[in-house]
PDB file of all heavy atoms in Angstrom:
ATOM      1  N   ARG A   1      44.303 122.882 -39.878  1.00  0.00           N
ATOM      2  CA  ARG A   1      43.501 124.047 -40.203  1.00  0.00           C
ATOM      3  C   ARG A   1      42.560 123.902 -41.389  1.00  0.00           C
ATOM      4  O   ARG A   1      42.871 123.070 -42.327  1.00  0.00           O
ATOM      5  CB  ARG A   1      44.447 125.215 -40.379  1.00  0.00           C
ATOM      6  CG  ARG A   1      45.361 125.572 -39.408  1.00  0.00           C
ATOM      7  CD  ARG A   1      44.822 126.581 -38.425  1.00  0.00           C
ATOM      8  NE  ARG A   1      43.978 127.565 -38.788  1.00  0.00           N
ATOM      9  CZ  ARG A   1      43.070 128.082 -37.993  1.00  0.00           C
ATOM     10  NH1 ARG A   1      43.159 127.877 -36.670  1.00  0.00           N
ATOM     11  NH2 ARG A   1      42.283 129.031 -38.453  1.00  0.00           N
ATOM     12  N   GLY A   2      41.563 124.629 -41.456  1.00  0.00           N
ATOM     13  CA  GLY A   2      40.654 124.803 -42.561  1.00  0.00           C
ATOM     14  C   GLY A   2      40.372 123.574 -43.462  1.00  0.00           C
ATOM     15  O   GLY A   2      40.139 122.479 -43.003  1.00  0.00           O
ATOM     16  N   GLY A   3      40.507 123.796 -44.788  1.00  0.00           N
ATOM     17  CA  GLY A   3      40.120 122.691 -45.734  1.00  0.00           C
ATOM     18  C   GLY A   3      41.087 121.651 -45.815  1.00  0.00           C
ATOM     19  O   GLY A   3      41.002 120.718 -46.561  1.00  0.00           O
ATOM     20  N   TYR A   4      42.239 121.740 -45.108  1.00  0.00           N
ATOM     21  CA  TYR A   4      43.266 120.637 -45.113  1.00  0.00           C
ATOM     22  C   TYR A   4      42.905 119.531 -44.120  1.00  0.00           C
ATOM     23  O   TYR A   4      43.558 118.429 -44.258  1.00  0.00           O
ATOM     24  CB  TYR A   4      44.605 121.280 -44.761  1.00  0.00           C
ATOM     25  CG  TYR A   4      45.166 122.107 -45.782  1.00  0.00           C
ATOM     26  CD1 TYR A   4      45.091 123.499 -45.639  1.00  0.00           C
ATOM     27  CD2 TYR A   4      45.763 121.606 -46.943  1.00  0.00           C
ATOM     28  CE1 TYR A   4      45.614 124.475 -46.577  1.00  0.00           C
ATOM     29  CE2 TYR A   4      46.226 122.417 -47.906  1.00  0.00           C
ATOM     30  CZ  TYR A   4      46.224 123.836 -47.735  1.00  0.00           C
ATOM     31  OH  TYR A   4      46.690 124.734 -48.682  1.00  0.00           O
ATOM     32  N   ALA A   5      42.009 119.746 -43.245  1.00  0.00           N
ATOM     33  CA  ALA A   5      41.669 118.709 -42.219  1.00  0.00           C
ATOM     34  C   ALA A   5      40.708 117.671 -42.771  1.00  0.00           C
ATOM     35  O   ALA A   5      39.787 117.992 -43.536  1.00  0.00           O
ATOM     36  CB  ALA A   5      41.108 119.389 -41.051  1.00  0.00           C
ATOM     37  N   ASP A   6      40.940 116.357 -42.371  1.00  0.00           N
ATOM     38  CA  ASP A   6      39.977 115.361 -42.720  1.00  0.00           C
ATOM     39  C   ASP A   6      39.193 115.059 -41.437  1.00  0.00           C
ATOM     40  O   ASP A   6      39.809 114.680 -40.433  1.00  0.00           O
ATOM     41  CB  ASP A   6      40.756 114.177 -43.210  1.00  0.00           C
ATOM     42  CG  ASP A   6      41.356 114.240 -44.652  1.00  0.00           C
ATOM     43  OD1 ASP A   6      40.610 115.041 -45.511  1.00  0.00           O
ATOM     44  OD2 ASP A   6      42.416 113.785 -44.854  1.00  0.00           O
ATOM     45  N   ALA A   7      37.889 114.913 -41.583  1.00  0.00           N
ATOM     46  CA  ALA A   7      37.052 114.572 -40.499  1.00  0.00           C
ATOM     47  C   ALA A   7      37.254 113.031 -40.140  1.00  0.00           C
ATOM     48  O   ALA A   7      37.308 112.286 -41.122  1.00  0.00           O
ATOM     49  CB  ALA A   7      35.628 114.963 -40.790  1.00  0.00           C
ATOM     50  N   GLU A   8      37.224 112.794 -38.891  1.00  0.00           N
ATOM     51  CA  GLU A   8      37.282 111.377 -38.381  1.00  0.00           C
ATOM     52  C   GLU A   8      35.835 110.764 -38.580  1.00  0.00           C
ATOM     53  O   GLU A   8      35.737 109.569 -38.769  1.00  0.00           O
ATOM     54  CB  GLU A   8      37.808 111.208 -36.921  1.00  0.00           C
ATOM     55  CG  GLU A   8      39.205 111.439 -36.813  1.00  0.00           C
ATOM     56  CD  GLU A   8      39.688 111.269 -35.408  1.00  0.00           C
ATOM     57  OE1 GLU A   8      38.813 110.903 -34.546  1.00  0.00           O
ATOM     58  OE2 GLU A   8      40.767 111.502 -35.086  1.00  0.00           O
ATOM     59  N   ARG A   9      34.840 111.611 -38.410  1.00  0.00           N
ATOM     60  CA  ARG A   9      33.443 111.226 -38.374  1.00  0.00           C
ATOM     61  C   ARG A   9      32.600 112.210 -39.049  1.00  0.00           C
ATOM     62  O   ARG A   9      32.801 113.439 -38.794  1.00  0.00           O
ATOM     63  CB  ARG A   9      32.968 110.922 -36.990  1.00  0.00           C
ATOM     64  CG  ARG A   9      31.607 110.353 -36.772  1.00  0.00           C
ATOM     65  CD  ARG A   9      31.250 110.130 -35.335  1.00  0.00           C
ATOM     66  NE  ARG A   9      30.096 109.358 -35.290  1.00  0.00           N
ATOM     67  CZ  ARG A   9      28.987 109.731 -35.173  1.00  0.00           C
ATOM     68  NH1 ARG A   9      28.603 110.946 -35.249  1.00  0.00           N
ATOM     69  NH2 ARG A   9      27.913 108.931 -34.947  1.00  0.00           N
ATOM     70  N   VAL A  10      31.882 111.789 -39.925  1.00  0.00           N
ATOM     71  CA  VAL A  10      30.830 112.715 -40.669  1.00  0.00           C
ATOM     72  C   VAL A  10      29.453 112.155 -40.486  1.00  0.00           C
ATOM     73  O   VAL A  10      29.270 110.957 -40.809  1.00  0.00           O
ATOM     74  CB  VAL A  10      31.214 112.893 -42.104  1.00  0.00           C
ATOM     75  CG1 VAL A  10      30.186 113.748 -42.838  1.00  0.00           C
ATOM     76  CG2 VAL A  10      32.568 113.451 -42.357  1.00  0.00           C
ATOM     77  N   GLU A  11      28.483 112.892 -40.024  1.00  0.00           N
ATOM     78  CA  GLU A  11      27.172 112.461 -39.807  1.00  0.00           C
ATOM     79  C   GLU A  11      26.246 113.351 -40.599  1.00  0.00           C
ATOM     80  O   GLU A  11      26.218 114.659 -40.379  1.00  0.00           O
ATOM     81  CB  GLU A  11      26.705 112.427 -38.295  1.00  0.00           C
ATOM     82  CG  GLU A  11      25.333 111.900 -38.079  1.00  0.00           C
ATOM     83  CD  GLU A  11      25.085 111.713 -36.510  1.00  0.00           C
ATOM     84  OE1 GLU A  11      26.043 111.833 -35.724  1.00  0.00           O
ATOM     85  OE2 GLU A  11      23.950 111.273 -36.282  1.00  0.00           O
ATOM     86  N   SER A  12      25.422 112.926 -41.425  1.00  0.00           N
ATOM     87  CA  SER A  12      24.648 113.702 -42.301  1.00  0.00           C
ATOM     88  C   SER A  12      23.168 113.199 -42.337  1.00  0.00           C
ATOM     89  O   SER A  12      22.878 112.010 -42.146  1.00  0.00           O
ATOM     90  CB  SER A  12      25.145 113.706 -43.766  1.00  0.00           C
ATOM     91  OG  SER A  12      25.186 112.459 -44.330  1.00  0.00           O
ATOM     92  N   TYR A  13      22.217 114.184 -42.464  1.00  0.00           N
ATOM     93  CA  TYR A  13      20.896 113.919 -42.543  1.00  0.00           C
ATOM     94  C   TYR A  13      20.297 114.596 -43.762  1.00  0.00           C
ATOM     95  O   TYR A  13      20.561 115.725 -44.036  1.00  0.00           O
ATOM     96  CB  TYR A  13      20.212 114.564 -41.325  1.00  0.00           C
ATOM     97  CG  TYR A  13      20.501 113.900 -40.013  1.00  0.00           C
ATOM     98  CD1 TYR A  13      21.581 114.309 -39.275  1.00  0.00           C
ATOM     99  CD2 TYR A  13      19.753 112.868 -39.391  1.00  0.00           C
ATOM    100  CE1 TYR A  13      22.091 113.722 -38.023  1.00  0.00           C
ATOM    101  CE2 TYR A  13      20.149 112.327 -38.153  1.00  0.00           C
ATOM    102  CZ  TYR A  13      21.205 112.770 -37.527  1.00  0.00           C
ATOM    103  OH  TYR A  13      21.607 112.123 -36.330  1.00  0.00           O
ATOM    104  N   GLU A  14      19.516 113.848 -44.369  1.00  0.00           N
ATOM    105  CA  GLU A  14      18.820 114.415 -45.651  1.00  0.00           C
ATOM    106  C   GLU A  14      17.327 114.452 -45.335  1.00  0.00           C
ATOM    107  O   GLU A  14      16.714 113.425 -44.835  1.00  0.00           O
ATOM    108  CB  GLU A  14      19.093 113.518 -46.871  1.00  0.00           C
ATOM    109  CG  GLU A  14      20.564 113.593 -47.309  1.00  0.00           C
ATOM    110  CD  GLU A  14      20.726 112.711 -48.459  1.00  0.00           C
ATOM    111  OE1 GLU A  14      19.778 112.452 -49.341  1.00  0.00           O
ATOM    112  OE2 GLU A  14      21.826 112.176 -48.639  1.00  0.00           O
ATOM    113  N   PHE A  15      16.605 115.530 -45.623  1.00  0.00           N
ATOM    114  CA  PHE A  15      15.185 115.671 -45.224  1.00  0.00           C
ATOM    115  C   PHE A  15      14.412 115.831 -46.533  1.00  0.00           C
ATOM    116  O   PHE A  15      14.800 116.556 -47.427  1.00  0.00           O
ATOM    117  CB  PHE A  15      14.935 116.870 -44.309  1.00  0.00           C
ATOM    118  CG  PHE A  15      15.807 116.890 -43.150  1.00  0.00           C
ATOM    119  CD1 PHE A  15      17.026 117.642 -43.086  1.00  0.00           C
ATOM    120  CD2 PHE A  15      15.479 116.221 -41.984  1.00  0.00           C
ATOM    121  CE1 PHE A  15      17.773 117.674 -41.974  1.00  0.00           C
ATOM    122  CE2 PHE A  15      16.205 116.274 -40.835  1.00  0.00           C
ATOM    123  CZ  PHE A  15      17.468 116.989 -40.783  1.00  0.00           C
ATOM    124  N   THR A  16      13.175 115.235 -46.631  1.00  0.00           N
ATOM    125  CA  THR A  16      12.261 115.507 -47.656  1.00  0.00           C
ATOM    126  C   THR A  16      11.053 116.228 -47.180  1.00  0.00           C
ATOM    127  O   THR A  16      10.697 116.067 -45.815  1.00  0.00           O
ATOM    128  CB  THR A  16      11.896 114.138 -48.329  1.00  0.00           C
ATOM    129  OG1 THR A  16      11.084 113.425 -47.440  1.00  0.00           O
ATOM    130  CG2 THR A  16      13.146 113.427 -48.921  1.00  0.00           C
ATOM    131  N   ARG A  17      10.395 116.954 -47.874  1.00  0.00           N
ATOM    132  CA  ARG A  17       9.306 117.679 -47.550  1.00  0.00           C
ATOM    133  C   ARG A  17       8.111 116.863 -47.054  1.00  0.00           C
ATOM    134  O   ARG A  17       7.225 117.163 -46.278  1.00  0.00           O
ATOM    135  CB  ARG A  17       8.782 118.678 -48.558  1.00  0.00           C
ATOM    136  CG  ARG A  17       9.755 119.650 -48.830  1.00  0.00           C
ATOM    137  CD  ARG A  17       9.246 120.668 -49.891  1.00  0.00           C
ATOM    138  NE  ARG A  17       8.745 120.117 -51.135  1.00  0.00           N
ATOM    139  CZ  ARG A  17       9.445 120.161 -52.218  1.00  0.00           C
ATOM    140  NH1 ARG A  17      10.593 120.698 -52.265  1.00  0.00           N
ATOM    141  NH2 ARG A  17       9.015 119.532 -53.307  1.00  0.00           N
ATOM    142  N   ASP A  18       8.111 115.527 -47.453  1.00  0.00           N
ATOM    143  CA  ASP A  18       6.960 114.630 -47.135  1.00  0.00           C
ATOM    144  C   ASP A  18       7.373 113.773 -45.917  1.00  0.00           C
ATOM    145  O   ASP A  18       6.685 112.826 -45.608  1.00  0.00           O
ATOM    146  CB  ASP A  18       6.548 113.726 -48.232  1.00  0.00           C
ATOM    147  CG  ASP A  18       7.728 112.879 -48.845  1.00  0.00           C
ATOM    148  OD1 ASP A  18       8.826 113.074 -48.347  1.00  0.00           O
ATOM    149  OD2 ASP A  18       7.453 111.916 -49.674  1.00  0.00           O
ATOM    150  N   GLY A  19       8.446 114.210 -45.110  1.00  0.00           N
ATOM    151  CA  GLY A  19       8.680 113.488 -43.844  1.00  0.00           C
ATOM    152  C   GLY A  19       9.693 112.348 -43.789  1.00  0.00           C
ATOM    153  O   GLY A  19       9.504 111.568 -42.919  1.00  0.00           O
ATOM    154  N   VAL A  20      10.450 112.280 -44.898  1.00  0.00           N
ATOM    155  CA  VAL A  20      11.515 111.146 -44.860  1.00  0.00           C
ATOM    156  C   VAL A  20      12.820 111.741 -44.443  1.00  0.00           C
ATOM    157  O   VAL A  20      13.187 112.812 -44.886  1.00  0.00           O
ATOM    158  CB  VAL A  20      11.568 110.552 -46.178  1.00  0.00           C
ATOM    159  CG1 VAL A  20      12.683 109.425 -46.224  1.00  0.00           C
ATOM    160  CG2 VAL A  20      10.260 109.823 -46.651  1.00  0.00           C
ATOM    161  N   ILE A  21      13.508 111.101 -43.577  1.00  0.00           N
ATOM    162  CA  ILE A  21      14.813 111.487 -43.081  1.00  0.00           C
ATOM    163  C   ILE A  21      15.794 110.299 -43.315  1.00  0.00           C
ATOM    164  O   ILE A  21      15.510 109.120 -42.944  1.00  0.00           O
ATOM    165  CB  ILE A  21      14.936 111.828 -41.540  1.00  0.00           C
ATOM    166  CG1 ILE A  21      14.064 113.074 -41.271  1.00  0.00           C
ATOM    167  CG2 ILE A  21      16.355 111.995 -41.147  1.00  0.00           C
ATOM    168  CD1 ILE A  21      14.037 113.477 -39.835  1.00  0.00           C
ATOM    169  N   ARG A  22      16.812 110.658 -44.001  1.00  0.00           N
ATOM    170  CA  ARG A  22      17.960 109.607 -44.231  1.00  0.00           C
ATOM    171  C   ARG A  22      19.153 110.048 -43.516  1.00  0.00           C
ATOM    172  O   ARG A  22      19.551 111.261 -43.607  1.00  0.00           O
ATOM    173  CB  ARG A  22      18.168 109.459 -45.778  1.00  0.00           C
ATOM    174  CG  ARG A  22      17.087 108.958 -46.497  1.00  0.00           C
ATOM    175  CD  ARG A  22      17.452 108.960 -48.034  1.00  0.00           C
ATOM    176  NE  ARG A  22      16.266 108.500 -48.752  1.00  0.00           N
ATOM    177  CZ  ARG A  22      15.276 109.272 -49.288  1.00  0.00           C
ATOM    178  NH1 ARG A  22      15.441 110.663 -49.111  1.00  0.00           N
ATOM    179  NH2 ARG A  22      14.164 108.859 -49.858  1.00  0.00           N
ATOM    180  N   ARG A  23      19.713 109.210 -42.740  1.00  0.00           N
ATOM    181  CA  ARG A  23      20.791 109.479 -41.836  1.00  0.00           C
ATOM    182  C   ARG A  23      21.976 108.619 -42.443  1.00  0.00           C
ATOM    183  O   ARG A  23      21.823 107.434 -42.555  1.00  0.00           O
ATOM    184  CB  ARG A  23      20.519 109.194 -40.380  1.00  0.00           C
ATOM    185  CG  ARG A  23      21.823 109.358 -39.465  1.00  0.00           C
ATOM    186  CD  ARG A  23      21.342 108.997 -38.031  1.00  0.00           C
ATOM    187  NE  ARG A  23      22.466 109.040 -37.242  1.00  0.00           N
ATOM    188  CZ  ARG A  23      22.903 107.977 -36.456  1.00  0.00           C
ATOM    189  NH1 ARG A  23      22.316 106.861 -36.462  1.00  0.00           N
ATOM    190  NH2 ARG A  23      24.038 108.095 -35.685  1.00  0.00           N
ATOM    191  N   THR A  24      23.197 109.244 -42.547  1.00  0.00           N
ATOM    192  CA  THR A  24      24.409 108.474 -42.863  1.00  0.00           C
ATOM    193  C   THR A  24      25.480 108.876 -41.929  1.00  0.00           C
ATOM    194  O   THR A  24      25.676 110.067 -41.633  1.00  0.00           O
ATOM    195  CB  THR A  24      24.820 108.854 -44.341  1.00  0.00           C
ATOM    196  OG1 THR A  24      23.668 108.603 -45.219  1.00  0.00           O
ATOM    197  CG2 THR A  24      26.069 108.045 -44.815  1.00  0.00           C
ATOM    198  N   VAL A  25      26.168 107.847 -41.385  1.00  0.00           N
ATOM    199  CA  VAL A  25      27.327 108.127 -40.556  1.00  0.00           C
ATOM    200  C   VAL A  25      28.586 107.483 -41.214  1.00  0.00           C
ATOM    201  O   VAL A  25      28.492 106.203 -41.538  1.00  0.00           O
ATOM    202  CB  VAL A  25      27.205 107.528 -39.183  1.00  0.00           C
ATOM    203  CG1 VAL A  25      28.351 107.692 -38.220  1.00  0.00           C
ATOM    204  CG2 VAL A  25      25.956 108.205 -38.550  1.00  0.00           C
ATOM    205  N   GLU A  26      29.601 108.217 -41.422  1.00  0.00           N
ATOM    206  CA  GLU A  26      30.840 107.691 -42.029  1.00  0.00           C
ATOM    207  C   GLU A  26      31.948 107.849 -40.878  1.00  0.00           C
ATOM    208  O   GLU A  26      32.255 108.996 -40.444  1.00  0.00           O
ATOM    209  CB  GLU A  26      31.330 108.537 -43.261  1.00  0.00           C
ATOM    210  CG  GLU A  26      30.207 108.485 -44.364  1.00  0.00           C
ATOM    211  CD  GLU A  26      30.635 109.373 -45.465  1.00  0.00           C
ATOM    212  OE1 GLU A  26      31.827 109.514 -45.900  1.00  0.00           O
ATOM    213  OE2 GLU A  26      29.724 110.046 -46.008  1.00  0.00           O
ATOM    214  N   ALA A  27      32.498 106.753 -40.582  1.00  0.00           N
ATOM    215  CA  ALA A  27      33.514 106.718 -39.490  1.00  0.00           C
ATOM    216  C   ALA A  27      34.271 105.499 -39.533  1.00  0.00           C
ATOM    217  O   ALA A  27      33.748 104.308 -39.932  1.00  0.00           O
ATOM    218  CB  ALA A  27      32.847 106.873 -38.026  1.00  0.00           C
ATOM    219  N   ASP A  28      35.643 105.457 -39.191  1.00  0.00           N
ATOM    220  CA  ASP A  28      36.500 104.374 -39.101  1.00  0.00           C
ATOM    221  C   ASP A  28      36.418 103.496 -40.512  1.00  0.00           C
ATOM    222  O   ASP A  28      36.354 102.313 -40.420  1.00  0.00           O
ATOM    223  CB  ASP A  28      35.987 103.423 -38.032  1.00  0.00           C
ATOM    224  CG  ASP A  28      36.048 104.135 -36.563  1.00  0.00           C
ATOM    225  OD1 ASP A  28      37.006 104.955 -36.471  1.00  0.00           O
ATOM    226  OD2 ASP A  28      35.107 103.926 -35.800  1.00  0.00           O
ATOM    227  N   GLY A  29      36.343 104.298 -41.565  1.00  0.00           N
ATOM    228  CA  GLY A  29      36.383 103.617 -42.863  1.00  0.00           C
ATOM    229  C   GLY A  29      35.110 102.903 -43.310  1.00  0.00           C
ATOM    230  O   GLY A  29      35.019 102.333 -44.363  1.00  0.00           O
ATOM    231  N   GLY A  30      34.128 103.054 -42.404  1.00  0.00           N
ATOM    232  CA  GLY A  30      32.840 102.346 -42.746  1.00  0.00           C
ATOM    233  C   GLY A  30      31.791 103.391 -42.880  1.00  0.00           C
ATOM    234  O   GLY A  30      31.917 104.566 -42.618  1.00  0.00           O
ATOM    235  N   GLU A  31      30.588 102.861 -43.264  1.00  0.00           N
ATOM    236  CA  GLU A  31      29.348 103.769 -43.505  1.00  0.00           C
ATOM    237  C   GLU A  31      28.094 103.044 -42.994  1.00  0.00           C
ATOM    238  O   GLU A  31      28.016 101.826 -43.082  1.00  0.00           O
ATOM    239  CB  GLU A  31      29.285 104.010 -44.943  1.00  0.00           C
ATOM    240  CG  GLU A  31      28.176 104.995 -45.181  1.00  0.00           C
ATOM    241  CD  GLU A  31      28.180 105.428 -46.706  1.00  0.00           C
ATOM    242  OE1 GLU A  31      28.837 106.311 -47.070  1.00  0.00           O
ATOM    243  OE2 GLU A  31      27.344 104.731 -47.446  1.00  0.00           O
TER     244      GLU A  31
END
């Protein structure tokens, strides 16, 4: 439940106003 759970996979995107996207995937102990 809730905040006690650890995600197996986290995928994040960071955006800049000038059109740059950075993608990060964390899974299986790697990045």
